[in-house]
Amino acid sequence: MQKFENVDVIAALGEIMRQNTAFYQSDFDIDKGIIQRAAASDQAVDKTLLWMSRPSGTYCFRERDVFLKGTRQHNTWRFYGEQTPRQDTGLRRGADRHQG
């Protein structure tokens, strides 16, 4: 996998969204706020996010919430995840980044 450093994450995800999401592109405005709040947080749990771009909208959730069964985030991720082809962006934080 190609290594990227010093990438504007919001701009990169915006490009992906514009290619994948035909309807409800304004959902990405919500995602940008979530990403910015996560970046400003001092809590590690807030900084690991899962993002989905699909033909009719986007979602950005804390990873922790997606893995908690019964949460809105878990149910949403499972429902759309089964219907939407996925591609790993390779985005990782700090030591979790792919080494290349």
C-alpha atoms as a PDB file:
ATOM      1  CA  MET A   1       0.000   0.000   0.000  1.00  0.00           C
ATOM      2  CA  GLN A   2       1.271   3.457  -0.875  1.00  0.00           C
ATOM      3  CA  LYS A   3       2.212   5.613   2.114  1.00  0.00           C
ATOM      4  CA  PHE A   4       0.768   9.125   2.415  1.00  0.00           C
ATOM      5  CA  GLU A   5       2.005  11.739   4.862  1.00  0.00           C
ATOM      6  CA  ASN A   6       0.896  15.299   5.551  1.00  0.00           C
ATOM      7  CA  VAL A   7      -2.415  14.741   3.777  1.00  0.00           C
ATOM      8  CA  ASP A   8      -5.397  17.044   4.224  1.00  0.00           C
ATOM      9  CA  VAL A   9      -7.774  14.295   5.351  1.00  0.00           C
ATOM     10  CA  ILE A  10     -10.913  16.375   4.890  1.00  0.00           C
ATOM     11  CA  ALA A  11      -9.925  17.310   1.335  1.00  0.00           C
ATOM     12  CA  ALA A  12      -9.055  13.695   0.484  1.00  0.00           C
ATOM     13  CA  LEU A  13     -12.325  12.347   1.885  1.00  0.00           C
ATOM     14  CA  GLY A  14     -14.167  15.150   0.096  1.00  0.00           C
ATOM     15  CA  GLU A  15     -12.741  13.957  -3.225  1.00  0.00           C
ATOM     16  CA  ILE A  16     -13.802  10.393  -2.484  1.00  0.00           C
ATOM     17  CA  MET A  17     -17.262  11.616  -1.508  1.00  0.00           C
ATOM     18  CA  ARG A  18     -17.643  13.617  -4.727  1.00  0.00           C
ATOM     19  CA  GLN A  19     -16.813  10.491  -6.756  1.00  0.00           C
ATOM     20  CA  ASN A  20     -18.976   8.043  -4.765  1.00  0.00           C
ATOM     21  CA  THR A  21     -21.906  10.046  -3.435  1.00  0.00           C
ATOM     22  CA  ALA A  22     -24.465  11.361  -5.893  1.00  0.00           C
ATOM     23  CA  PHE A  23     -27.143  12.390  -3.383  1.00  0.00           C
ATOM     24  CA  TYR A  24     -27.051  14.030   0.057  1.00  0.00           C
ATOM     25  CA  GLN A  25     -23.498  15.299  -0.378  1.00  0.00           C
ATOM     26  CA  SER A  26     -24.303  17.782   2.386  1.00  0.00           C
ATOM     27  CA  ASP A  27     -23.929  14.853   4.831  1.00  0.00           C
ATOM     28  CA  PHE A  28     -20.197  15.445   4.436  1.00  0.00           C
ATOM     29  CA  ASP A  29     -20.558  18.806   6.212  1.00  0.00           C
ATOM     30  CA  ILE A  30     -21.633  16.866   9.308  1.00  0.00           C
ATOM     31  CA  ASP A  31     -18.682  14.497   8.863  1.00  0.00           C
ATOM     32  CA  LYS A  32     -16.239  17.406   8.675  1.00  0.00           C
ATOM     33  CA  GLY A  33     -17.490  18.663  12.031  1.00  0.00           C
ATOM     34  CA  ILE A  34     -17.100  15.211  13.567  1.00  0.00           C
ATOM     35  CA  ILE A  35     -13.543  14.911  12.206  1.00  0.00           C
ATOM     36  CA  GLN A  36     -12.605  18.382  13.452  1.00  0.00           C
ATOM     37  CA  ARG A  37     -14.010  17.705  16.935  1.00  0.00           C
ATOM     38  CA  ALA A  38     -12.158  14.371  17.026  1.00  0.00           C
ATOM     39  CA  ALA A  39      -8.891  16.077  16.090  1.00  0.00           C
ATOM     40  CA  ALA A  40      -9.370  18.615  18.889  1.00  0.00           C
ATOM     41  CA  SER A  41     -10.281  15.990  21.505  1.00  0.00           C
ATOM     42  CA  ASP A  42      -7.748  14.866  24.090  1.00  0.00           C
ATOM     43  CA  GLN A  43      -9.478  11.458  24.321  1.00  0.00           C
ATOM     44  CA  ALA A  44      -7.942   8.666  22.213  1.00  0.00           C
ATOM     45  CA  VAL A  45     -11.339   6.955  21.844  1.00  0.00           C
ATOM     46  CA  ASP A  46     -12.623  10.030  19.979  1.00  0.00           C
ATOM     47  CA  LYS A  47      -9.816   9.947  17.423  1.00  0.00           C
ATOM     48  CA  THR A  48     -10.489   6.571  15.801  1.00  0.00           C
ATOM     49  CA  LEU A  49     -13.255   7.094  13.268  1.00  0.00           C
ATOM     50  CA  LEU A  50     -14.940   5.003  10.607  1.00  0.00           C
ATOM     51  CA  TRP A  51     -16.189   6.834   7.531  1.00  0.00           C
ATOM     52  CA  MET A  52     -18.513   5.557   4.818  1.00  0.00           C
ATOM     53  CA  SER A  53     -19.295   7.137   1.471  1.00  0.00           C
ATOM     54  CA  ARG A  54     -22.213   5.596  -0.365  1.00  0.00           C
ATOM     55  CA  PRO A  55     -24.369   6.618  -3.333  1.00  0.00           C
ATOM     56  CA  SER A  56     -26.915   8.368  -1.086  1.00  0.00           C
ATOM     57  CA  GLY A  57     -24.949  10.030   1.689  1.00  0.00           C
ATOM     58  CA  THR A  58     -22.043   9.576   4.060  1.00  0.00           C
ATOM     59  CA  TYR A  59     -21.555   8.569   7.668  1.00  0.00           C
ATOM     60  CA  CYS A  60     -18.733   9.202  10.126  1.00  0.00           C
ATOM     61  CA  PHE A  61     -18.794   7.401  13.466  1.00  0.00           C
ATOM     62  CA  ARG A  62     -16.430   6.726  16.332  1.00  0.00           C
ATOM     63  CA  GLU A  63     -15.108   3.215  15.840  1.00  0.00           C
ATOM     64  CA  ARG A  64     -16.028   2.324  19.424  1.00  0.00           C
ATOM     65  CA  ASP A  65     -19.686   3.138  18.812  1.00  0.00           C
ATOM     66  CA  VAL A  66     -19.814   1.012  15.657  1.00  0.00           C
ATOM     67  CA  PHE A  67     -18.620  -2.028  17.601  1.00  0.00           C
ATOM     68  CA  LEU A  68     -21.151  -1.629  20.429  1.00  0.00           C
ATOM     69  CA  LYS A  69     -24.105  -3.816  19.491  1.00  0.00           C
ATOM     70  CA  GLY A  70     -27.462  -2.126  19.705  1.00  0.00           C
ATOM     71  CA  THR A  71     -26.178   1.402  19.105  1.00  0.00           C
ATOM     72  CA  ARG A  72     -27.510   3.497  16.235  1.00  0.00           C
ATOM     73  CA  GLN A  73     -23.981   3.587  14.803  1.00  0.00           C
ATOM     74  CA  HIS A  74     -23.638  -0.209  14.920  1.00  0.00           C
ATOM     75  CA  ASN A  75     -27.019  -0.772  13.298  1.00  0.00           C
ATOM     76  CA  THR A  76     -26.383   1.853  10.608  1.00  0.00           C
ATOM     77  CA  TRP A  77     -22.910   0.522   9.803  1.00  0.00           C
ATOM     78  CA  ARG A  78     -24.145  -3.057   9.549  1.00  0.00           C
ATOM     79  CA  PHE A  79     -27.176  -2.151   7.421  1.00  0.00           C
ATOM     80  CA  TYR A  80     -25.333  -0.013   4.874  1.00  0.00           C
ATOM     81  CA  GLY A  81     -22.140  -2.042   5.089  1.00  0.00           C
ATOM     82  CA  GLU A  82     -23.949  -5.058   3.724  1.00  0.00           C
ATOM     83  CA  GLN A  83     -25.265  -3.010   0.779  1.00  0.00           C
ATOM     84  CA  THR A  84     -22.261  -0.816  -0.016  1.00  0.00           C
ATOM     85  CA  PRO A  85     -18.976  -1.945  -1.595  1.00  0.00           C
ATOM     86  CA  ARG A  86     -16.124  -1.019   0.761  1.00  0.00           C
ATOM     87  CA  GLN A  87     -12.628   0.181   0.109  1.00  0.00           C
ATOM     88  CA  ASP A  88     -10.057   0.658   2.852  1.00  0.00           C
ATOM     89  CA  THR A  89      -8.664   4.179   2.601  1.00  0.00           C
ATOM     90  CA  GLY A  90      -5.614   3.116   4.585  1.00  0.00           C
ATOM     91  CA  LEU A  91      -6.043   6.097   6.909  1.00  0.00           C
ATOM     92  CA  ARG A  92      -4.524   5.380  10.289  1.00  0.00           C
ATOM     93  CA  ARG A  93      -3.515   7.511  13.240  1.00  0.00           C
ATOM     94  CA  GLY A  94      -0.020   7.751  14.709  1.00  0.00           C
ATOM     95  CA  ALA A  95       1.572   4.352  15.297  1.00  0.00           C
ATOM     96  CA  ASP A  96      -1.352   2.608  13.592  1.00  0.00           C
ATOM     97  CA  ARG A  97      -0.368   3.930  10.164  1.00  0.00           C
ATOM     98  CA  HIS A  98       0.813   1.452   7.549  1.00  0.00           C
ATOM     99  CA  GLN A  99       4.569   1.431   7.300  1.00  0.00           C
ATOM    100  CA  GLY A 100       5.839   1.336   3.741  1.00  0.00           C
END
